């Protein structure tokens, strides 16, 4: 793989941006465990659904779906993605935790 000058600057810029964001959010998340794990309970339902779905789509799922597609056909990947990905997204959107005890 050949790295050109613009490629290196894009990667360095991305790493600097991620480091700056982590330092900026460090104070908020270190205040207590609720801020760290739950975002201070200020996350809207649609964002919670996207976050939950993205957290459950792991690299092993992509290879597993690819293997199932080779063995059974490509329809199986869409069947799994539509059932689980869409269901988790809709569940996160329509059933958000209100934070009230």
PDB file of N, CA and C in Angstrom:
ATOM      1  N   UNK A   1       0.851  -1.179   0.000  1.00  0.00           N
ATOM      2  CA  UNK A   1       0.000   0.000   0.000  1.00  0.00           C
ATOM      3  C   UNK A   1       0.890   1.233   0.000  1.00  0.00           C
ATOM      4  N   UNK A   2       0.643   2.089  -0.929  1.00  0.00           N
ATOM      5  CA  UNK A   2       1.416   3.314  -1.037  1.00  0.00           C
ATOM      6  C   UNK A   2       0.683   4.457  -0.348  1.00  0.00           C
ATOM      7  N   UNK A   3       1.368   5.076   0.586  1.00  0.00           N
ATOM      8  CA  UNK A   3       0.789   6.210   1.304  1.00  0.00           C
ATOM      9  C   UNK A   3       1.309   7.496   0.671  1.00  0.00           C
ATOM     10  N   UNK A   4       0.398   8.303   0.204  1.00  0.00           N
ATOM     11  CA  UNK A   4       0.762   9.607  -0.345  1.00  0.00           C
ATOM     12  C   UNK A   4       0.665  10.654   0.759  1.00  0.00           C
ATOM     13  N   UNK A   5       1.180  11.819   0.487  1.00  0.00           N
ATOM     14  CA  UNK A   5       1.166  12.907   1.470  1.00  0.00           C
ATOM     15  C   UNK A   5      -0.257  13.257   1.930  1.00  0.00           C
ATOM     16  N   UNK A   6      -1.252  13.407   1.038  1.00  0.00           N
ATOM     17  CA  UNK A   6      -2.614  13.723   1.520  1.00  0.00           C
ATOM     18  C   UNK A   6      -3.210  12.620   2.397  1.00  0.00           C
ATOM     19  N   UNK A   7      -2.884  11.360   2.084  1.00  0.00           N
ATOM     20  CA  UNK A   7      -3.397  10.262   2.897  1.00  0.00           C
ATOM     21  C   UNK A   7      -2.885  10.345   4.329  1.00  0.00           C
ATOM     22  N   UNK A   8      -1.627  10.619   4.467  1.00  0.00           N
ATOM     23  CA  UNK A   8      -1.021  10.712   5.799  1.00  0.00           C
ATOM     24  C   UNK A   8      -1.625  11.873   6.574  1.00  0.00           C
ATOM     25  N   UNK A   9      -1.834  13.007   5.919  1.00  0.00           N
ATOM     26  CA  UNK A   9      -2.418  14.165   6.613  1.00  0.00           C
ATOM     27  C   UNK A   9      -3.868  13.916   7.005  1.00  0.00           C
ATOM     28  N   UNK A  10      -4.589  13.187   6.204  1.00  0.00           N
ATOM     29  CA  UNK A  10      -5.987  12.856   6.566  1.00  0.00           C
ATOM     30  C   UNK A  10      -6.011  11.973   7.803  1.00  0.00           C
ATOM     31  N   UNK A  11      -5.153  10.968   7.851  1.00  0.00           N
ATOM     32  CA  UNK A  11      -5.107  10.073   9.013  1.00  0.00           C
ATOM     33  C   UNK A  11      -4.658  10.831  10.255  1.00  0.00           C
ATOM     34  N   UNK A  12      -3.635  11.651  10.136  1.00  0.00           N
ATOM     35  CA  UNK A  12      -3.155  12.427  11.286  1.00  0.00           C
ATOM     36  C   UNK A  12      -4.225  13.403  11.763  1.00  0.00           C
ATOM     37  N   UNK A  13      -4.912  14.058  10.830  1.00  0.00           N
ATOM     38  CA  UNK A  13      -5.985  14.991  11.213  1.00  0.00           C
ATOM     39  C   UNK A  13      -7.107  14.276  11.945  1.00  0.00           C
ATOM     40  N   UNK A  14      -7.463  13.103  11.470  1.00  0.00           N
ATOM     41  CA  UNK A  14      -8.511  12.320  12.126  1.00  0.00           C
ATOM     42  C   UNK A  14      -8.101  11.932  13.550  1.00  0.00           C
ATOM     43  N   UNK A  15      -6.881  11.466  13.713  1.00  0.00           N
ATOM     44  CA  UNK A  15      -6.417  11.075  15.044  1.00  0.00           C
ATOM     45  C   UNK A  15      -6.370  12.269  15.994  1.00  0.00           C
ATOM     46  N   UNK A  16      -5.929  13.402  15.511  1.00  0.00           N
ATOM     47  CA  UNK A  16      -5.904  14.604  16.356  1.00  0.00           C
ATOM     48  C   UNK A  16      -7.316  15.024  16.742  1.00  0.00           C
ATOM     49  N   UNK A  17      -8.243  14.969  15.789  1.00  0.00           N
ATOM     50  CA  UNK A  17      -9.637  15.319  16.075  1.00  0.00           C
ATOM     51  C   UNK A  17     -10.239  14.385  17.125  1.00  0.00           C
ATOM     52  N   UNK A  18     -10.011  13.082  17.001  1.00  0.00           N
ATOM     53  CA  UNK A  18     -10.552  12.132  17.971  1.00  0.00           C
ATOM     54  C   UNK A  18      -9.944  12.347  19.357  1.00  0.00           C
ATOM     55  N   UNK A  19      -8.655  12.641  19.410  1.00  0.00           N
ATOM     56  CA  UNK A  19      -8.013  12.903  20.695  1.00  0.00           C
ATOM     57  C   UNK A  19      -8.555  14.170  21.336  1.00  0.00           C
ATOM     58  N   UNK A  20      -8.774  15.215  20.542  1.00  0.00           N
ATOM     59  CA  UNK A  20      -9.327  16.466  21.072  1.00  0.00           C
ATOM     60  C   UNK A  20     -10.748  16.267  21.581  1.00  0.00           C
ATOM     61  N   UNK A  21     -11.559  15.502  20.847  1.00  0.00           N
ATOM     62  CA  UNK A  21     -12.925  15.229  21.315  1.00  0.00           C
ATOM     63  C   UNK A  21     -12.926  14.428  22.614  1.00  0.00           C
ATOM     64  N   UNK A  22     -12.006  13.487  22.736  1.00  0.00           N
ATOM     65  CA  UNK A  22     -11.956  12.704  23.969  1.00  0.00           C
ATOM     66  C   UNK A  22     -11.557  13.568  25.161  1.00  0.00           C
ATOM     67  N   UNK A  23     -10.635  14.494  24.961  1.00  0.00           N
ATOM     68  CA  UNK A  23     -10.264  15.387  26.058  1.00  0.00           C
ATOM     69  C   UNK A  23     -11.399  16.347  26.417  1.00  0.00           C
ATOM     70  N   UNK A  24     -12.156  16.760  25.415  1.00  0.00           N
ATOM     71  CA  UNK A  24     -13.264  17.688  25.656  1.00  0.00           C
ATOM     72  C   UNK A  24     -14.390  17.014  26.445  1.00  0.00           C
ATOM     73  N   UNK A  25     -14.675  15.754  26.151  1.00  0.00           N
ATOM     74  CA  UNK A  25     -15.759  15.037  26.833  1.00  0.00           C
ATOM     75  C   UNK A  25     -15.306  14.340  28.116  1.00  0.00           C
ATOM     76  N   UNK A  26     -14.038  14.376  28.402  1.00  0.00           N
ATOM     77  CA  UNK A  26     -13.520  13.688  29.581  1.00  0.00           C
ATOM     78  C   UNK A  26     -14.104  14.244  30.883  1.00  0.00           C
ATOM     79  N   UNK A  27     -14.208  15.537  30.983  1.00  0.00           N
ATOM     80  CA  UNK A  27     -14.705  16.158  32.210  1.00  0.00           C
ATOM     81  C   UNK A  27     -16.155  15.763  32.487  1.00  0.00           C
ATOM     82  N   UNK A  28     -16.981  15.741  31.436  1.00  0.00           N
ATOM     83  CA  UNK A  28     -18.387  15.369  31.602  1.00  0.00           C
ATOM     84  C   UNK A  28     -18.528  13.908  31.991  1.00  0.00           C
ATOM     85  N   UNK A  29     -17.806  13.031  31.321  1.00  0.00           N
ATOM     86  CA  UNK A  29     -17.981  11.603  31.583  1.00  0.00           C
ATOM     87  C   UNK A  29     -17.340  11.161  32.891  1.00  0.00           C
ATOM     88  N   UNK A  30     -16.378  11.881  33.402  1.00  0.00           N
ATOM     89  CA  UNK A  30     -15.747  11.482  34.656  1.00  0.00           C
ATOM     90  C   UNK A  30     -16.472  12.033  35.881  1.00  0.00           C
ATOM     91  N   UNK A  31     -17.540  12.796  35.693  1.00  0.00           N
ATOM     92  CA  UNK A  31     -18.262  13.352  36.834  1.00  0.00           C
ATOM     93  C   UNK A  31     -18.927  12.252  37.662  1.00  0.00           C
ATOM     94  N   UNK A  32     -19.594  11.305  36.999  1.00  0.00           N
ATOM     95  CA  UNK A  32     -20.190  10.162  37.697  1.00  0.00           C
ATOM     96  C   UNK A  32     -20.431   9.039  36.700  1.00  0.00           C
ATOM     97  N   UNK A  33     -20.832   7.874  37.198  1.00  0.00           N
ATOM     98  CA  UNK A  33     -21.019   6.719  36.326  1.00  0.00           C
ATOM     99  C   UNK A  33     -22.221   6.880  35.404  1.00  0.00           C
ATOM    100  N   UNK A  34     -23.232   7.624  35.831  1.00  0.00           N
ATOM    101  CA  UNK A  34     -24.399   7.832  34.976  1.00  0.00           C
ATOM    102  C   UNK A  34     -24.018   8.630  33.731  1.00  0.00           C
ATOM    103  N   UNK A  35     -23.179   9.622  33.881  1.00  0.00           N
ATOM    104  CA  UNK A  35     -22.720  10.379  32.719  1.00  0.00           C
ATOM    105  C   UNK A  35     -21.865   9.506  31.806  1.00  0.00           C
ATOM    106  N   UNK A  36     -21.053   8.644  32.393  1.00  0.00           N
ATOM    107  CA  UNK A  36     -20.156   7.819  31.586  1.00  0.00           C
ATOM    108  C   UNK A  36     -20.924   6.770  30.783  1.00  0.00           C
ATOM    109  N   UNK A  37     -21.820   6.035  31.441  1.00  0.00           N
ATOM    110  CA  UNK A  37     -22.513   4.941  30.767  1.00  0.00           C
ATOM    111  C   UNK A  37     -23.785   5.373  30.053  1.00  0.00           C
ATOM    112  N   UNK A  38     -24.482   6.376  30.537  1.00  0.00           N
ATOM    113  CA  UNK A  38     -25.786   6.740  29.994  1.00  0.00           C
ATOM    114  C   UNK A  38     -25.830   8.124  29.361  1.00  0.00           C
ATOM    115  N   UNK A  39     -24.717   8.804  29.287  1.00  0.00           N
ATOM    116  CA  UNK A  39     -24.694  10.122  28.664  1.00  0.00           C
ATOM    117  C   UNK A  39     -25.509  11.147  29.427  1.00  0.00           C
ATOM    118  N   UNK A  40     -25.616  10.985  30.735  1.00  0.00           N
ATOM    119  CA  UNK A  40     -26.386  11.927  31.545  1.00  0.00           C
ATOM    120  C   UNK A  40     -27.887  11.829  31.315  1.00  0.00           C
ATOM    121  N   UNK A  41     -28.338  10.740  30.692  1.00  0.00           N
ATOM    122  CA  UNK A  41     -29.758  10.505  30.366  1.00  0.00           C
ATOM    123  C   UNK A  41     -30.347  11.627  29.515  1.00  0.00           C
ATOM    124  N   UNK A  42     -29.527  12.190  28.645  1.00  0.00           N
ATOM    125  CA  UNK A  42     -29.977  13.272  27.767  1.00  0.00           C
ATOM    126  C   UNK A  42     -29.970  12.855  26.299  1.00  0.00           C
ATOM    127  N   UNK A  43     -29.816  11.569  26.016  1.00  0.00           N
ATOM    128  CA  UNK A  43     -29.738  11.089  24.637  1.00  0.00           C
ATOM    129  C   UNK A  43     -31.159  10.834  24.132  1.00  0.00           C
ATOM    130  N   UNK A  44     -31.543  11.397  22.967  1.00  0.00           N
ATOM    131  CA  UNK A  44     -32.883  11.149  22.427  1.00  0.00           C
ATOM    132  C   UNK A  44     -33.042   9.693  21.960  1.00  0.00           C
ATOM    133  N   UNK A  45     -34.272   9.261  21.801  1.00  0.00           N
ATOM    134  CA  UNK A  45     -34.557   7.873  21.463  1.00  0.00           C
ATOM    135  C   UNK A  45     -33.985   7.438  20.132  1.00  0.00           C
ATOM    136  N   UNK A  46     -34.054   8.292  19.109  1.00  0.00           N
ATOM    137  CA  UNK A  46     -33.543   7.896  17.788  1.00  0.00           C
ATOM    138  C   UNK A  46     -32.038   7.700  17.814  1.00  0.00           C
ATOM    139  N   UNK A  47     -31.319   8.541  18.574  1.00  0.00           N
ATOM    140  CA  UNK A  47     -29.873   8.398  18.664  1.00  0.00           C
ATOM    141  C   UNK A  47     -29.503   7.162  19.484  1.00  0.00           C
ATOM    142  N   UNK A  48     -30.297   6.870  20.496  1.00  0.00           N
ATOM    143  CA  UNK A  48     -30.090   5.666  21.286  1.00  0.00           C
ATOM    144  C   UNK A  48     -30.272   4.426  20.418  1.00  0.00           C
ATOM    145  N   UNK A  49     -31.266   4.436  19.527  1.00  0.00           N
ATOM    146  CA  UNK A  49     -31.499   3.304  18.632  1.00  0.00           C
ATOM    147  C   UNK A  49     -30.351   3.098  17.665  1.00  0.00           C
ATOM    148  N   UNK A  50     -29.829   4.171  17.098  1.00  0.00           N
ATOM    149  CA  UNK A  50     -28.696   4.062  16.175  1.00  0.00           C
ATOM    150  C   UNK A  50     -27.464   3.550  16.914  1.00  0.00           C
ATOM    151  N   UNK A  51     -27.232   4.070  18.115  1.00  0.00           N
ATOM    152  CA  UNK A  51     -26.076   3.648  18.891  1.00  0.00           C
ATOM    153  C   UNK A  51     -26.175   2.173  19.271  1.00  0.00           C
ATOM    154  N   UNK A  52     -27.354   1.738  19.679  1.00  0.00           N
ATOM    155  CA  UNK A  52     -27.548   0.341  20.078  1.00  0.00           C
ATOM    156  C   UNK A  52     -27.355  -0.592  18.893  1.00  0.00           C
ATOM    157  N   UNK A  53     -27.892  -0.221  17.741  1.00  0.00           N
ATOM    158  CA  UNK A  53     -27.741  -1.042  16.550  1.00  0.00           C
ATOM    159  C   UNK A  53     -26.282  -1.096  16.108  1.00  0.00           C
ATOM    160  N   UNK A  54     -25.599   0.030  16.137  1.00  0.00           N
ATOM    161  CA  UNK A  54     -24.192   0.055  15.728  1.00  0.00           C
ATOM    162  C   UNK A  54     -23.321  -0.749  16.683  1.00  0.00           C
ATOM    163  N   UNK A  55     -23.669  -0.765  17.961  1.00  0.00           N
ATOM    164  CA  UNK A  55     -22.877  -1.521  18.926  1.00  0.00           C
ATOM    165  C   UNK A  55     -23.041  -3.021  18.730  1.00  0.00           C
ATOM    166  N   UNK A  56     -24.183  -3.456  18.238  1.00  0.00           N
ATOM    167  CA  UNK A  56     -24.417  -4.885  18.069  1.00  0.00           C
ATOM    168  C   UNK A  56     -23.988  -5.415  16.705  1.00  0.00           C
ATOM    169  N   UNK A  57     -23.628  -4.547  15.793  1.00  0.00           N
ATOM    170  CA  UNK A  57     -23.106  -4.989  14.504  1.00  0.00           C
ATOM    171  C   UNK A  57     -21.596  -5.072  14.646  1.00  0.00           C
ATOM    172  N   UNK A  58     -21.102  -6.263  14.853  1.00  0.00           N
ATOM    173  CA  UNK A  58     -19.681  -6.448  15.120  1.00  0.00           C
ATOM    174  C   UNK A  58     -18.983  -7.047  13.895  1.00  0.00           C
ATOM    175  N   UNK A  59     -17.664  -7.029  13.900  1.00  0.00           N
ATOM    176  CA  UNK A  59     -16.945  -7.577  12.749  1.00  0.00           C
ATOM    177  C   UNK A  59     -17.212  -9.059  12.512  1.00  0.00           C
ATOM    178  N   UNK A  60     -17.436  -9.818  13.563  1.00  0.00           N
ATOM    179  CA  UNK A  60     -17.702 -11.243  13.351  1.00  0.00           C
ATOM    180  C   UNK A  60     -19.063 -11.468  12.708  1.00  0.00           C
ATOM    181  N   UNK A  61     -19.999 -10.551  12.899  1.00  0.00           N
ATOM    182  CA  UNK A  61     -21.293 -10.684  12.239  1.00  0.00           C
ATOM    183  C   UNK A  61     -21.148 -10.537  10.735  1.00  0.00           C
ATOM    184  N   UNK A  62     -20.294  -9.622  10.277  1.00  0.00           N
ATOM    185  CA  UNK A  62     -20.095  -9.437   8.840  1.00  0.00           C
ATOM    186  C   UNK A  62     -19.497 -10.680   8.206  1.00  0.00           C
ATOM    187  N   UNK A  63     -18.523 -11.293   8.853  1.00  0.00           N
ATOM    188  CA  UNK A  63     -17.951 -12.519   8.289  1.00  0.00           C
ATOM    189  C   UNK A  63     -18.929 -13.679   8.381  1.00  0.00           C
ATOM    190  N   UNK A  64     -19.714 -13.713   9.445  1.00  0.00           N
ATOM    191  CA  UNK A  64     -20.728 -14.765   9.564  1.00  0.00           C
ATOM    192  C   UNK A  64     -21.789 -14.659   8.488  1.00  0.00           C
ATOM    193  N   UNK A  65     -22.256 -13.453   8.210  1.00  0.00           N
ATOM    194  CA  UNK A  65     -23.250 -13.257   7.155  1.00  0.00           C
ATOM    195  C   UNK A  65     -22.659 -13.591   5.792  1.00  0.00           C
ATOM    196  N   UNK A  66     -21.395 -13.256   5.585  1.00  0.00           N
ATOM    197  CA  UNK A  66     -20.748 -13.608   4.323  1.00  0.00           C
ATOM    198  C   UNK A  66     -20.646 -15.112   4.142  1.00  0.00           C
ATOM    199  N   UNK A  67     -20.317 -15.821   5.206  1.00  0.00           N
ATOM    200  CA  UNK A  67     -20.256 -17.284   5.139  1.00  0.00           C
ATOM    201  C   UNK A  67     -21.615 -17.900   4.871  1.00  0.00           C
ATOM    202  N   UNK A  68     -22.634 -17.368   5.522  1.00  0.00           N
ATOM    203  CA  UNK A  68     -23.985 -17.876   5.259  1.00  0.00           C
ATOM    204  C   UNK A  68     -24.424 -17.589   3.834  1.00  0.00           C
ATOM    205  N   UNK A  69     -24.011 -16.455   3.302  1.00  0.00           N
ATOM    206  CA  UNK A  69     -24.366 -16.127   1.916  1.00  0.00           C
ATOM    207  C   UNK A  69     -23.691 -17.081   0.942  1.00  0.00           C
ATOM    208  N   UNK A  70     -22.468 -17.488   1.232  1.00  0.00           N
ATOM    209  CA  UNK A  70     -21.778 -18.427   0.351  1.00  0.00           C
ATOM    210  C   UNK A  70     -22.447 -19.792   0.395  1.00  0.00           C
ATOM    211  N   UNK A  71     -22.846 -20.217   1.578  1.00  0.00           N
ATOM    212  CA  UNK A  71     -23.425 -21.544   1.726  1.00  0.00           C
ATOM    213  C   UNK A  71     -24.871 -21.602   1.227  1.00  0.00           C
ATOM    214  N   UNK A  72     -25.680 -20.610   1.578  1.00  0.00           N
ATOM    215  CA  UNK A  72     -27.114 -20.706   1.288  1.00  0.00           C
ATOM    216  C   UNK A  72     -27.605 -19.756   0.217  1.00  0.00           C
ATOM    217  N   UNK A  73     -26.865 -18.736  -0.095  1.00  0.00           N
ATOM    218  CA  UNK A  73     -27.314 -17.735  -1.060  1.00  0.00           C
ATOM    219  C   UNK A  73     -27.371 -16.373  -0.393  1.00  0.00           C
ATOM    220  N   UNK A  74     -27.389 -15.327  -1.200  1.00  0.00           N
ATOM    221  CA  UNK A  74     -27.288 -13.980  -0.650  1.00  0.00           C
ATOM    222  C   UNK A  74     -28.544 -13.518   0.085  1.00  0.00           C
ATOM    223  N   UNK A  75     -29.674 -14.189  -0.098  1.00  0.00           N
ATOM    224  CA  UNK A  75     -30.885 -13.763   0.582  1.00  0.00           C
ATOM    225  C   UNK A  75     -30.765 -13.860   2.093  1.00  0.00           C
ATOM    226  N   UNK A  76     -29.954 -14.772   2.590  1.00  0.00           N
ATOM    227  CA  UNK A  76     -29.866 -14.988   4.041  1.00  0.00           C
ATOM    228  C   UNK A  76     -29.285 -13.764   4.749  1.00  0.00           C
ATOM    229  N   UNK A  77     -28.356 -13.072   4.104  1.00  0.00           N
ATOM    230  CA  UNK A  77     -27.781 -11.875   4.719  1.00  0.00           C
ATOM    231  C   UNK A  77     -28.844 -10.808   4.903  1.00  0.00           C
ATOM    232  N   UNK A  78     -29.654 -10.586   3.882  1.00  0.00           N
ATOM    233  CA  UNK A  78     -30.703  -9.576   3.995  1.00  0.00           C
ATOM    234  C   UNK A  78     -31.762 -10.005   4.992  1.00  0.00           C
ATOM    235  N   UNK A  79     -32.004 -11.290   5.112  1.00  0.00           N
ATOM    236  CA  UNK A  79     -32.981 -11.769   6.082  1.00  0.00           C
ATOM    237  C   UNK A  79     -32.513 -11.464   7.497  1.00  0.00           C
ATOM    238  N   UNK A  80     -31.249 -11.777   7.795  1.00  0.00           N
ATOM    239  CA  UNK A  80     -30.724 -11.486   9.126  1.00  0.00           C
ATOM    240  C   UNK A  80     -30.629  -9.988   9.386  1.00  0.00           C
ATOM    241  N   UNK A  81     -30.110  -9.227   8.428  1.00  0.00           N
ATOM    242  CA  UNK A  81     -29.959  -7.795   8.633  1.00  0.00           C
ATOM    243  C   UNK A  81     -31.305  -7.107   8.823  1.00  0.00           C
ATOM    244  N   UNK A  82     -32.290  -7.504   8.043  1.00  0.00           N
ATOM    245  CA  UNK A  82     -33.589  -6.852   8.175  1.00  0.00           C
ATOM    246  C   UNK A  82     -34.268  -7.220   9.486  1.00  0.00           C
ATOM    247  N   UNK A  83     -34.132  -8.444   9.923  1.00  0.00           N
ATOM    248  CA  UNK A  83     -34.794  -8.860  11.171  1.00  0.00           C
ATOM    249  C   UNK A  83     -34.146  -8.234  12.394  1.00  0.00           C
ATOM    250  N   UNK A  84     -32.835  -8.351  12.503  1.00  0.00           N
ATOM    251  CA  UNK A  84     -32.174  -7.930  13.733  1.00  0.00           C
ATOM    252  C   UNK A  84     -31.779  -6.466  13.712  1.00  0.00           C
ATOM    253  N   UNK A  85     -31.190  -5.997  12.632  1.00  0.00           N
ATOM    254  CA  UNK A  85     -30.765  -4.603  12.573  1.00  0.00           C
ATOM    255  C   UNK A  85     -31.926  -3.641  12.655  1.00  0.00           C
ATOM    256  N   UNK A  86     -32.942  -3.867  11.852  1.00  0.00           N
ATOM    257  CA  UNK A  86     -34.103  -2.982  11.855  1.00  0.00           C
ATOM    258  C   UNK A  86     -34.890  -3.090  13.155  1.00  0.00           C
ATOM    259  N   UNK A  87     -35.013  -4.301  13.688  1.00  0.00           N
ATOM    260  CA  UNK A  87     -35.754  -4.477  14.940  1.00  0.00           C
ATOM    261  C   UNK A  87     -35.074  -3.764  16.102  1.00  0.00           C
ATOM    262  N   UNK A  88     -33.764  -3.854  16.187  1.00  0.00           N
ATOM    263  CA  UNK A  88     -33.054  -3.178  17.277  1.00  0.00           C
ATOM    264  C   UNK A  88     -33.130  -1.667  17.127  1.00  0.00           C
ATOM    265  N   UNK A  89     -33.033  -1.183  15.893  1.00  0.00           N
ATOM    266  CA  UNK A  89     -33.144   0.251  15.667  1.00  0.00           C
ATOM    267  C   UNK A  89     -34.529   0.758  16.059  1.00  0.00           C
ATOM    268  N   UNK A  90     -35.575   0.076  15.624  1.00  0.00           N
ATOM    269  CA  UNK A  90     -36.932   0.510  15.963  1.00  0.00           C
ATOM    270  C   UNK A  90     -37.210   0.375  17.453  1.00  0.00           C
ATOM    271  N   UNK A  91     -36.679  -0.676  18.073  1.00  0.00           N
ATOM    272  CA  UNK A  91     -36.855  -0.831  19.513  1.00  0.00           C
ATOM    273  C   UNK A  91     -36.203   0.297  20.290  1.00  0.00           C
ATOM    274  N   UNK A  92     -35.030   0.715  19.853  1.00  0.00           N
ATOM    275  CA  UNK A  92     -34.362   1.831  20.510  1.00  0.00           C
ATOM    276  C   UNK A  92     -35.085   3.150  20.298  1.00  0.00           C
ATOM    277  N   UNK A  93     -35.720   3.304  19.136  1.00  0.00           N
ATOM    278  CA  UNK A  93     -36.431   4.558  18.842  1.00  0.00           C
ATOM    279  C   UNK A  93     -37.771   4.647  19.556  1.00  0.00           C
ATOM    280  N   UNK A  94     -38.525   3.542  19.537  1.00  0.00           N
ATOM    281  CA  UNK A  94     -39.895   3.607  20.056  1.00  0.00           C
ATOM    282  C   UNK A  94     -40.025   3.238  21.521  1.00  0.00           C
ATOM    283  N   UNK A  95     -39.004   2.622  22.081  1.00  0.00           N
ATOM    284  CA  UNK A  95     -39.065   2.234  23.486  1.00  0.00           C
ATOM    285  C   UNK A  95     -37.879   2.804  24.263  1.00  0.00           C
ATOM    286  N   UNK A  96     -37.682   4.113  24.226  1.00  0.00           N
ATOM    287  CA  UNK A  96     -36.546   4.695  24.956  1.00  0.00           C
ATOM    288  C   UNK A  96     -36.779   4.653  26.457  1.00  0.00           C
ATOM    289  N   UNK A  97     -35.693   4.557  27.179  1.00  0.00           N
ATOM    290  CA  UNK A  97     -35.768   4.575  28.628  1.00  0.00           C
ATOM    291  C   UNK A  97     -35.916   6.025  29.081  1.00  0.00           C
ATOM    292  N   UNK A  98     -36.940   6.301  29.855  1.00  0.00           N
ATOM    293  CA  UNK A  98     -37.221   7.690  30.229  1.00  0.00           C
ATOM    294  C   UNK A  98     -36.327   8.186  31.354  1.00  0.00           C
ATOM    295  N   UNK A  99     -35.770   7.297  32.133  1.00  0.00           N
ATOM    296  CA  UNK A  99     -34.906   7.716  33.218  1.00  0.00           C
ATOM    297  C   UNK A  99     -35.648   8.061  34.503  1.00  0.00           C
ATOM    298  N   UNK A 100     -36.962   7.882  34.492  1.00  0.00           N
ATOM    299  CA  UNK A 100     -37.751   8.165  35.692  1.00  0.00           C
ATOM    300  C   UNK A 100     -37.960   6.883  36.465  1.00  0.00           C
ATOM    301  N   UNK A 101     -37.703   6.924  37.747  1.00  0.00           N
ATOM    302  CA  UNK A 101     -37.872   5.747  38.586  1.00  0.00           C
ATOM    303  C   UNK A 101     -39.216   5.739  39.267  1.00  0.00           C
TER     304      UNK A 101
END
